[in-house]
Amino acid sequence: MRVKASTCREQEARQLDLAANDPLESRRIVAAAAAKAWGLEAIQAEKREAGHLSPRDKLDAEIAQEFAEEDGNDARQGGT
């Protein structure tokens, strides 16, 4: 399941807040890393939502199409 850009940005903001305000240094470090990861995911989600497909998305679509064609051929030939 793909996460929407808005959700990613909300989580990024939440983690940035924790990174700035958590009383424990170890949690601030983890939150900063999480904020960076959410930000990167948001960029990818924004690209997907704008209609840009990554090479991986294209490959996934091609593989799914091949499986669908194989299933259709099996059904026409009476295979299992």
PDB file of N, CA and C in Angstrom:
ATOM      1  N   MET A   1       0.841  -1.171   0.000  1.00  0.00           N
ATOM      2  CA  MET A   1       0.000   0.000   0.000  1.00  0.00           C
ATOM      3  C   MET A   1       0.891   1.241   0.000  1.00  0.00           C
ATOM      4  N   ARG A   2       0.521   2.179  -0.825  1.00  0.00           N
ATOM      5  CA  ARG A   2       1.279   3.424  -0.926  1.00  0.00           C
ATOM      6  C   ARG A   2       0.658   4.476  -0.010  1.00  0.00           C
ATOM      7  N   VAL A   3       1.496   5.246   0.640  1.00  0.00           N
ATOM      8  CA  VAL A   3       1.043   6.282   1.559  1.00  0.00           C
ATOM      9  C   VAL A   3       0.931   7.598   0.789  1.00  0.00           C
ATOM     10  N   LYS A   4      -0.103   8.368   1.089  1.00  0.00           N
ATOM     11  CA  LYS A   4      -0.297   9.656   0.426  1.00  0.00           C
ATOM     12  C   LYS A   4       0.741  10.665   0.901  1.00  0.00           C
ATOM     13  N   ALA A   5       1.042  11.613   0.033  1.00  0.00           N
ATOM     14  CA  ALA A   5       2.028  12.650   0.352  1.00  0.00           C
ATOM     15  C   ALA A   5       1.607  13.447   1.580  1.00  0.00           C
ATOM     16  N   SER A   6       0.323  13.728   1.702  1.00  0.00           N
ATOM     17  CA  SER A   6      -0.142  14.513   2.851  1.00  0.00           C
ATOM     18  C   SER A   6       0.124  13.786   4.163  1.00  0.00           C
ATOM     19  N   THR A   7      -0.061  12.479   4.174  1.00  0.00           N
ATOM     20  CA  THR A   7       0.223  11.687   5.372  1.00  0.00           C
ATOM     21  C   THR A   7       1.718  11.715   5.691  1.00  0.00           C
ATOM     22  N   CYS A   8       2.529  11.590   4.648  1.00  0.00           N
ATOM     23  CA  CYS A   8       3.985  11.633   4.845  1.00  0.00           C
ATOM     24  C   CYS A   8       4.412  12.966   5.438  1.00  0.00           C
ATOM     25  N   ARG A   9       3.860  14.049   4.911  1.00  0.00           N
ATOM     26  CA  ARG A   9       4.232  15.380   5.407  1.00  0.00           C
ATOM     27  C   ARG A   9       3.768  15.579   6.855  1.00  0.00           C
ATOM     28  N   GLU A  10       2.600  15.041   7.193  1.00  0.00           N
ATOM     29  CA  GLU A  10       2.119  15.137   8.577  1.00  0.00           C
ATOM     30  C   GLU A  10       3.070  14.394   9.518  1.00  0.00           C
ATOM     31  N   GLN A  11       3.473  13.201   9.121  1.00  0.00           N
ATOM     32  CA  GLN A  11       4.381  12.420   9.956  1.00  0.00           C
ATOM     33  C   GLN A  11       5.757  13.079  10.040  1.00  0.00           C
ATOM     34  N   GLU A  12       6.204  13.640   8.929  1.00  0.00           N
ATOM     35  CA  GLU A  12       7.480  14.352   8.931  1.00  0.00           C
ATOM     36  C   GLU A  12       7.438  15.508   9.936  1.00  0.00           C
ATOM     37  N   ALA A  13       6.362  16.282   9.903  1.00  0.00           N
ATOM     38  CA  ALA A  13       6.221  17.420  10.826  1.00  0.00           C
ATOM     39  C   ALA A  13       6.179  16.945  12.273  1.00  0.00           C
ATOM     40  N   ARG A  14       5.459  15.861  12.514  1.00  0.00           N
ATOM     41  CA  ARG A  14       5.376  15.311  13.877  1.00  0.00           C
ATOM     42  C   ARG A  14       6.752  14.892  14.379  1.00  0.00           C
ATOM     43  N   GLN A  15       7.496  14.215  13.516  1.00  0.00           N
ATOM     44  CA  GLN A  15       8.832  13.753  13.921  1.00  0.00           C
ATOM     45  C   GLN A  15       9.801  14.923  14.092  1.00  0.00           C
ATOM     46  N   LEU A  16       9.678  15.948  13.264  1.00  0.00           N
ATOM     47  CA  LEU A  16      10.526  17.136  13.434  1.00  0.00           C
ATOM     48  C   LEU A  16      10.251  17.807  14.773  1.00  0.00           C
ATOM     49  N   ASP A  17       8.985  17.839  15.153  1.00  0.00           N
ATOM     50  CA  ASP A  17       8.627  18.410  16.454  1.00  0.00           C
ATOM     51  C   ASP A  17       9.256  17.601  17.586  1.00  0.00           C
ATOM     52  N   LEU A  18       9.160  16.285  17.480  1.00  0.00           N
ATOM     53  CA  LEU A  18       9.783  15.434  18.503  1.00  0.00           C
ATOM     54  C   LEU A  18      11.295  15.619  18.522  1.00  0.00           C
ATOM     55  N   ALA A  19      11.895  15.734  17.340  1.00  0.00           N
ATOM     56  CA  ALA A  19      13.348  15.897  17.258  1.00  0.00           C
ATOM     57  C   ALA A  19      13.797  17.197  17.927  1.00  0.00           C
ATOM     58  N   ALA A  20      12.934  18.189  17.901  1.00  0.00           N
ATOM     59  CA  ALA A  20      13.286  19.475  18.494  1.00  0.00           C
ATOM     60  C   ALA A  20      12.940  19.563  19.974  1.00  0.00           C
ATOM     61  N   ASN A  21      11.926  18.803  20.401  1.00  0.00           N
ATOM     62  CA  ASN A  21      11.388  19.044  21.741  1.00  0.00           C
ATOM     63  C   ASN A  21      11.413  17.873  22.711  1.00  0.00           C
ATOM     64  N   ASP A  22      11.758  16.697  22.266  1.00  0.00           N
ATOM     65  CA  ASP A  22      11.749  15.557  23.190  1.00  0.00           C
ATOM     66  C   ASP A  22      12.835  15.740  24.242  1.00  0.00           C
ATOM     67  N   PRO A  23      12.544  15.415  25.483  1.00  0.00           N
ATOM     68  CA  PRO A  23      13.540  15.611  26.538  1.00  0.00           C
ATOM     69  C   PRO A  23      14.723  14.633  26.462  1.00  0.00           C
ATOM     70  N   LEU A  24      14.536  13.508  25.794  1.00  0.00           N
ATOM     71  CA  LEU A  24      15.623  12.517  25.727  1.00  0.00           C
ATOM     72  C   LEU A  24      16.378  12.617  24.406  1.00  0.00           C
ATOM     73  N   GLU A  25      17.687  12.721  24.508  1.00  0.00           N
ATOM     74  CA  GLU A  25      18.512  12.868  23.312  1.00  0.00           C
ATOM     75  C   GLU A  25      18.362  11.689  22.353  1.00  0.00           C
ATOM     76  N   SER A  26      18.298  10.480  22.888  1.00  0.00           N
ATOM     77  CA  SER A  26      18.195   9.300  22.022  1.00  0.00           C
ATOM     78  C   SER A  26      16.911   9.339  21.195  1.00  0.00           C
ATOM     79  N   ARG A  27      15.816   9.804  21.797  1.00  0.00           N
ATOM     80  CA  ARG A  27      14.556   9.905  21.050  1.00  0.00           C
ATOM     81  C   ARG A  27      14.606  11.042  20.040  1.00  0.00           C
ATOM     82  N   ARG A  28      15.326  12.110  20.352  1.00  0.00           N
ATOM     83  CA  ARG A  28      15.480  13.204  19.388  1.00  0.00           C
ATOM     84  C   ARG A  28      16.240  12.721  18.159  1.00  0.00           C
ATOM     85  N   ILE A  29      17.264  11.904  18.370  1.00  0.00           N
ATOM     86  CA  ILE A  29      18.055  11.366  17.255  1.00  0.00           C
ATOM     87  C   ILE A  29      17.193  10.466  16.369  1.00  0.00           C
ATOM     88  N   VAL A  30      16.436   9.587  16.998  1.00  0.00           N
ATOM     89  CA  VAL A  30      15.558   8.684  16.247  1.00  0.00           C
ATOM     90  C   VAL A  30      14.490   9.485  15.496  1.00  0.00           C
ATOM     91  N   ALA A  31      13.915  10.476  16.143  1.00  0.00           N
ATOM     92  CA  ALA A  31      12.879  11.296  15.509  1.00  0.00           C
ATOM     93  C   ALA A  31      13.434  12.063  14.317  1.00  0.00           C
ATOM     94  N   ALA A  32      14.652  12.554  14.421  1.00  0.00           N
ATOM     95  CA  ALA A  32      15.268  13.276  13.302  1.00  0.00           C
ATOM     96  C   ALA A  32      15.460  12.348  12.104  1.00  0.00           C
ATOM     97  N   ALA A  33      15.895  11.125  12.371  1.00  0.00           N
ATOM     98  CA  ALA A  33      16.055  10.143  11.292  1.00  0.00           C
ATOM     99  C   ALA A  33      14.707   9.786  10.682  1.00  0.00           C
ATOM    100  N   ALA A  34      13.696   9.642  11.525  1.00  0.00           N
ATOM    101  CA  ALA A  34      12.354   9.325  11.034  1.00  0.00           C
ATOM    102  C   ALA A  34      11.804  10.476  10.200  1.00  0.00           C
ATOM    103  N   ALA A  35      12.045  11.703  10.620  1.00  0.00           N
ATOM    104  CA  ALA A  35      11.578  12.865   9.862  1.00  0.00           C
ATOM    105  C   ALA A  35      12.211  12.881   8.474  1.00  0.00           C
ATOM    106  N   LYS A  36      13.485  12.578   8.413  1.00  0.00           N
ATOM    107  CA  LYS A  36      14.176  12.539   7.117  1.00  0.00           C
ATOM    108  C   LYS A  36      13.563  11.462   6.224  1.00  0.00           C
ATOM    109  N   ALA A  37      13.311  10.290   6.780  1.00  0.00           N
ATOM    110  CA  ALA A  37      12.712   9.200   6.003  1.00  0.00           C
ATOM    111  C   ALA A  37      11.315   9.567   5.512  1.00  0.00           C
ATOM    112  N   TRP A  38      10.505  10.175   6.377  1.00  0.00           N
ATOM    113  CA  TRP A  38       9.163  10.599   5.962  1.00  0.00           C
ATOM    114  C   TRP A  38       9.246  11.658   4.872  1.00  0.00           C
ATOM    115  N   GLY A  39      10.221  12.546   4.968  1.00  0.00           N
ATOM    116  CA  GLY A  39      10.384  13.568   3.940  1.00  0.00           C
ATOM    117  C   GLY A  39      10.734  12.974   2.589  1.00  0.00           C
ATOM    118  N   LEU A  40      11.624  11.980   2.597  1.00  0.00           N
ATOM    119  CA  LEU A  40      11.982  11.304   1.352  1.00  0.00           C
ATOM    120  C   LEU A  40      10.793  10.557   0.763  1.00  0.00           C
ATOM    121  N   GLU A  41      10.031   9.903   1.620  1.00  0.00           N
ATOM    122  CA  GLU A  41       8.839   9.197   1.145  1.00  0.00           C
ATOM    123  C   GLU A  41       7.814  10.177   0.600  1.00  0.00           C
ATOM    124  N   ALA A  42       7.708  11.349   1.221  1.00  0.00           N
ATOM    125  CA  ALA A  42       6.768  12.372   0.732  1.00  0.00           C
ATOM    126  C   ALA A  42       7.129  12.810  -0.678  1.00  0.00           C
ATOM    127  N   ILE A  43       8.411  12.972  -0.936  1.00  0.00           N
ATOM    128  CA  ILE A  43       8.846  13.356  -2.284  1.00  0.00           C
ATOM    129  C   ILE A  43       8.413  12.310  -3.301  1.00  0.00           C
ATOM    130  N   GLN A  44       8.630  11.037  -2.964  1.00  0.00           N
ATOM    131  CA  GLN A  44       8.220   9.965  -3.873  1.00  0.00           C
ATOM    132  C   GLN A  44       6.699   9.945  -4.062  1.00  0.00           C
ATOM    133  N   ALA A  45       5.969  10.132  -2.985  1.00  0.00           N
ATOM    134  CA  ALA A  45       4.505  10.141  -3.061  1.00  0.00           C
ATOM    135  C   ALA A  45       4.016  11.309  -3.908  1.00  0.00           C
ATOM    136  N   GLU A  46       4.648  12.463  -3.761  1.00  0.00           N
ATOM    137  CA  GLU A  46       4.257  13.620  -4.566  1.00  0.00           C
ATOM    138  C   GLU A  46       4.488  13.359  -6.048  1.00  0.00           C
ATOM    139  N   LYS A  47       5.580  12.694  -6.367  1.00  0.00           N
ATOM    140  CA  LYS A  47       5.849  12.340  -7.769  1.00  0.00           C
ATOM    141  C   LYS A  47       4.793  11.371  -8.303  1.00  0.00           C
ATOM    142  N   ARG A  48       4.473  10.349  -7.488  1.00  0.00           N
ATOM    143  CA  ARG A  48       3.445   9.386  -7.916  1.00  0.00           C
ATOM    144  C   ARG A  48       2.117  10.087  -8.139  1.00  0.00           C
ATOM    145  N   GLU A  49       1.754  10.955  -7.195  1.00  0.00           N
ATOM    146  CA  GLU A  49       0.472  11.641  -7.277  1.00  0.00           C
ATOM    147  C   GLU A  49       0.420  12.620  -8.442  1.00  0.00           C
ATOM    148  N   ALA A  50       1.588  13.091  -8.892  1.00  0.00           N
ATOM    149  CA  ALA A  50       1.649  13.992 -10.042  1.00  0.00           C
ATOM    150  C   ALA A  50       1.645  13.217 -11.355  1.00  0.00           C
ATOM    151  N   GLY A  51       1.667  11.888 -11.261  1.00  0.00           N
ATOM    152  CA  GLY A  51       1.592  11.060 -12.454  1.00  0.00           C
ATOM    153  C   GLY A  51       2.918  10.541 -12.965  1.00  0.00           C
ATOM    154  N   HIS A  52       3.999  10.815 -12.248  1.00  0.00           N
ATOM    155  CA  HIS A  52       5.301  10.300 -12.651  1.00  0.00           C
ATOM    156  C   HIS A  52       5.430   8.865 -12.148  1.00  0.00           C
ATOM    157  N   LEU A  53       5.901   7.992 -13.032  1.00  0.00           N
ATOM    158  CA  LEU A  53       6.108   6.605 -12.638  1.00  0.00           C
ATOM    159  C   LEU A  53       7.593   6.321 -12.521  1.00  0.00           C
ATOM    160  N   SER A  54       7.953   5.667 -11.460  1.00  0.00           N
ATOM    161  CA  SER A  54       9.342   5.260 -11.300  1.00  0.00           C
ATOM    162  C   SER A  54       9.582   4.016 -12.164  1.00  0.00           C
ATOM    163  N   PRO A  55      10.836   3.711 -12.470  1.00  0.00           N
ATOM    164  CA  PRO A  55      11.118   2.483 -13.226  1.00  0.00           C
ATOM    165  C   PRO A  55      10.562   1.248 -12.520  1.00  0.00           C
ATOM    166  N   ARG A  56      10.579   1.245 -11.189  1.00  0.00           N
ATOM    167  CA  ARG A  56      10.043   0.101 -10.447  1.00  0.00           C
ATOM    168  C   ARG A  56       8.536  -0.017 -10.657  1.00  0.00           C
ATOM    169  N   ASP A  57       7.822   1.115 -10.662  1.00  0.00           N
ATOM    170  CA  ASP A  57       6.384   1.076 -10.896  1.00  0.00           C
ATOM    171  C   ASP A  57       6.082   0.544 -12.290  1.00  0.00           C
ATOM    172  N   LYS A  58       6.869   0.966 -13.275  1.00  0.00           N
ATOM    173  CA  LYS A  58       6.671   0.492 -14.649  1.00  0.00           C
ATOM    174  C   LYS A  58       6.918  -1.008 -14.726  1.00  0.00           C
ATOM    175  N   LEU A  59       7.980  -1.477 -14.084  1.00  0.00           N
ATOM    176  CA  LEU A  59       8.297  -2.902 -14.093  1.00  0.00           C
ATOM    177  C   LEU A  59       7.189  -3.699 -13.401  1.00  0.00           C
ATOM    178  N   ASP A  60       6.693  -3.207 -12.273  1.00  0.00           N
ATOM    179  CA  ASP A  60       5.589  -3.877 -11.578  1.00  0.00           C
ATOM    180  C   ASP A  60       4.370  -3.996 -12.485  1.00  0.00           C
ATOM    181  N   ALA A  61       4.064  -2.938 -13.224  1.00  0.00           N
ATOM    182  CA  ALA A  61       2.913  -2.960 -14.126  1.00  0.00           C
ATOM    183  C   ALA A  61       3.118  -3.967 -15.251  1.00  0.00           C
ATOM    184  N   GLU A  62       4.333  -4.033 -15.785  1.00  0.00           N
ATOM    185  CA  GLU A  62       4.631  -5.001 -16.843  1.00  0.00           C
ATOM    186  C   GLU A  62       4.492  -6.431 -16.336  1.00  0.00           C
ATOM    187  N   ILE A  63       4.989  -6.698 -15.146  1.00  0.00           N
ATOM    188  CA  ILE A  63       4.897  -8.044 -14.569  1.00  0.00           C
ATOM    189  C   ILE A  63       3.439  -8.413 -14.328  1.00  0.00           C
ATOM    190  N   ALA A  64       2.659  -7.494 -13.794  1.00  0.00           N
ATOM    191  CA  ALA A  64       1.235  -7.757 -13.563  1.00  0.00           C
ATOM    192  C   ALA A  64       0.522  -8.039 -14.877  1.00  0.00           C
ATOM    193  N   GLN A  65       0.873  -7.298 -15.924  1.00  0.00           N
ATOM    194  CA  GLN A  65       0.265  -7.522 -17.239  1.00  0.00           C
ATOM    195  C   GLN A  65       0.619  -8.911 -17.775  1.00  0.00           C
ATOM    196  N   GLU A  66       1.867  -9.331 -17.595  1.00  0.00           N
ATOM    197  CA  GLU A  66       2.276 -10.667 -18.040  1.00  0.00           C
ATOM    198  C   GLU A  66       1.485 -11.752 -17.323  1.00  0.00           C
ATOM    199  N   PHE A  67       1.304 -11.618 -16.010  1.00  0.00           N
ATOM    200  CA  PHE A  67       0.522 -12.599 -15.270  1.00  0.00           C
ATOM    201  C   PHE A  67      -0.923 -12.631 -15.766  1.00  0.00           C
ATOM    202  N   ALA A  68      -1.493 -11.463 -16.028  1.00  0.00           N
ATOM    203  CA  ALA A  68      -2.870 -11.406 -16.516  1.00  0.00           C
ATOM    204  C   ALA A  68      -2.981 -12.082 -17.876  1.00  0.00           C
ATOM    205  N   GLU A  69      -2.016 -11.857 -18.740  1.00  0.00           N
ATOM    206  CA  GLU A  69      -2.030 -12.491 -20.063  1.00  0.00           C
ATOM    207  C   GLU A  69      -1.889 -14.008 -19.943  1.00  0.00           C
ATOM    208  N   GLU A  70      -1.007 -14.458 -19.052  1.00  0.00           N
ATOM    209  CA  GLU A  70      -0.842 -15.899 -18.843  1.00  0.00           C
ATOM    210  C   GLU A  70      -2.125 -16.525 -18.324  1.00  0.00           C
ATOM    211  N   ASP A  71      -2.781 -15.867 -17.384  1.00  0.00           N
ATOM    212  CA  ASP A  71      -4.045 -16.371 -16.856  1.00  0.00           C
ATOM    213  C   ASP A  71      -5.095 -16.449 -17.953  1.00  0.00           C
ATOM    214  N   GLY A  72      -5.135 -15.445 -18.807  1.00  0.00           N
ATOM    215  CA  GLY A  72      -6.090 -15.435 -19.915  1.00  0.00           C
ATOM    216  C   GLY A  72      -5.814 -16.556 -20.902  1.00  0.00           C
ATOM    217  N   ASN A  73      -4.536 -16.796 -21.195  1.00  0.00           N
ATOM    218  CA  ASN A  73      -4.161 -17.884 -22.107  1.00  0.00           C
ATOM    219  C   ASN A  73      -4.523 -19.227 -21.499  1.00  0.00           C
ATOM    220  N   ASP A  74      -4.263 -19.412 -20.215  1.00  0.00           N
ATOM    221  CA  ASP A  74      -4.600 -20.673 -19.541  1.00  0.00           C
ATOM    222  C   ASP A  74      -6.109 -20.910 -19.582  1.00  0.00           C
ATOM    223  N   ALA A  75      -6.897 -19.885 -19.365  1.00  0.00           N
ATOM    224  CA  ALA A  75      -8.352 -20.031 -19.370  1.00  0.00           C
ATOM    225  C   ALA A  75      -8.857 -20.412 -20.759  1.00  0.00           C
ATOM    226  N   ARG A  76      -8.288 -19.815 -21.805  1.00  0.00           N
ATOM    227  CA  ARG A  76      -8.727 -20.126 -23.169  1.00  0.00           C
ATOM    228  C   ARG A  76      -8.324 -21.543 -23.578  1.00  0.00           C
ATOM    229  N   GLN A  77      -7.213 -22.035 -23.039  1.00  0.00           N
ATOM    230  CA  GLN A  77      -6.727 -23.362 -23.383  1.00  0.00           C
ATOM    231  C   GLN A  77      -7.283 -24.439 -22.447  1.00  0.00           C
ATOM    232  N   GLY A  78      -8.060 -24.025 -21.491  1.00  0.00           N
ATOM    233  CA  GLY A  78      -8.642 -24.987 -20.551  1.00  0.00           C
ATOM    234  C   GLY A  78      -7.664 -25.489 -19.511  1.00  0.00           C
ATOM    235  N   GLY A  79      -6.569 -24.754 -19.319  1.00  0.00           N
ATOM    236  CA  GLY A  79      -5.560 -25.153 -18.334  1.00  0.00           C
ATOM    237  C   GLY A  79      -5.959 -24.733 -16.945  1.00  0.00           C
ATOM    238  N   THR A  80      -5.104 -25.102 -16.005  1.00  0.00           N
ATOM    239  CA  THR A  80      -5.366 -24.751 -14.612  1.00  0.00           C
ATOM    240  C   THR A  80      -4.536 -23.578 -14.200  1.00  0.00           C
TER     241      THR A  80
END
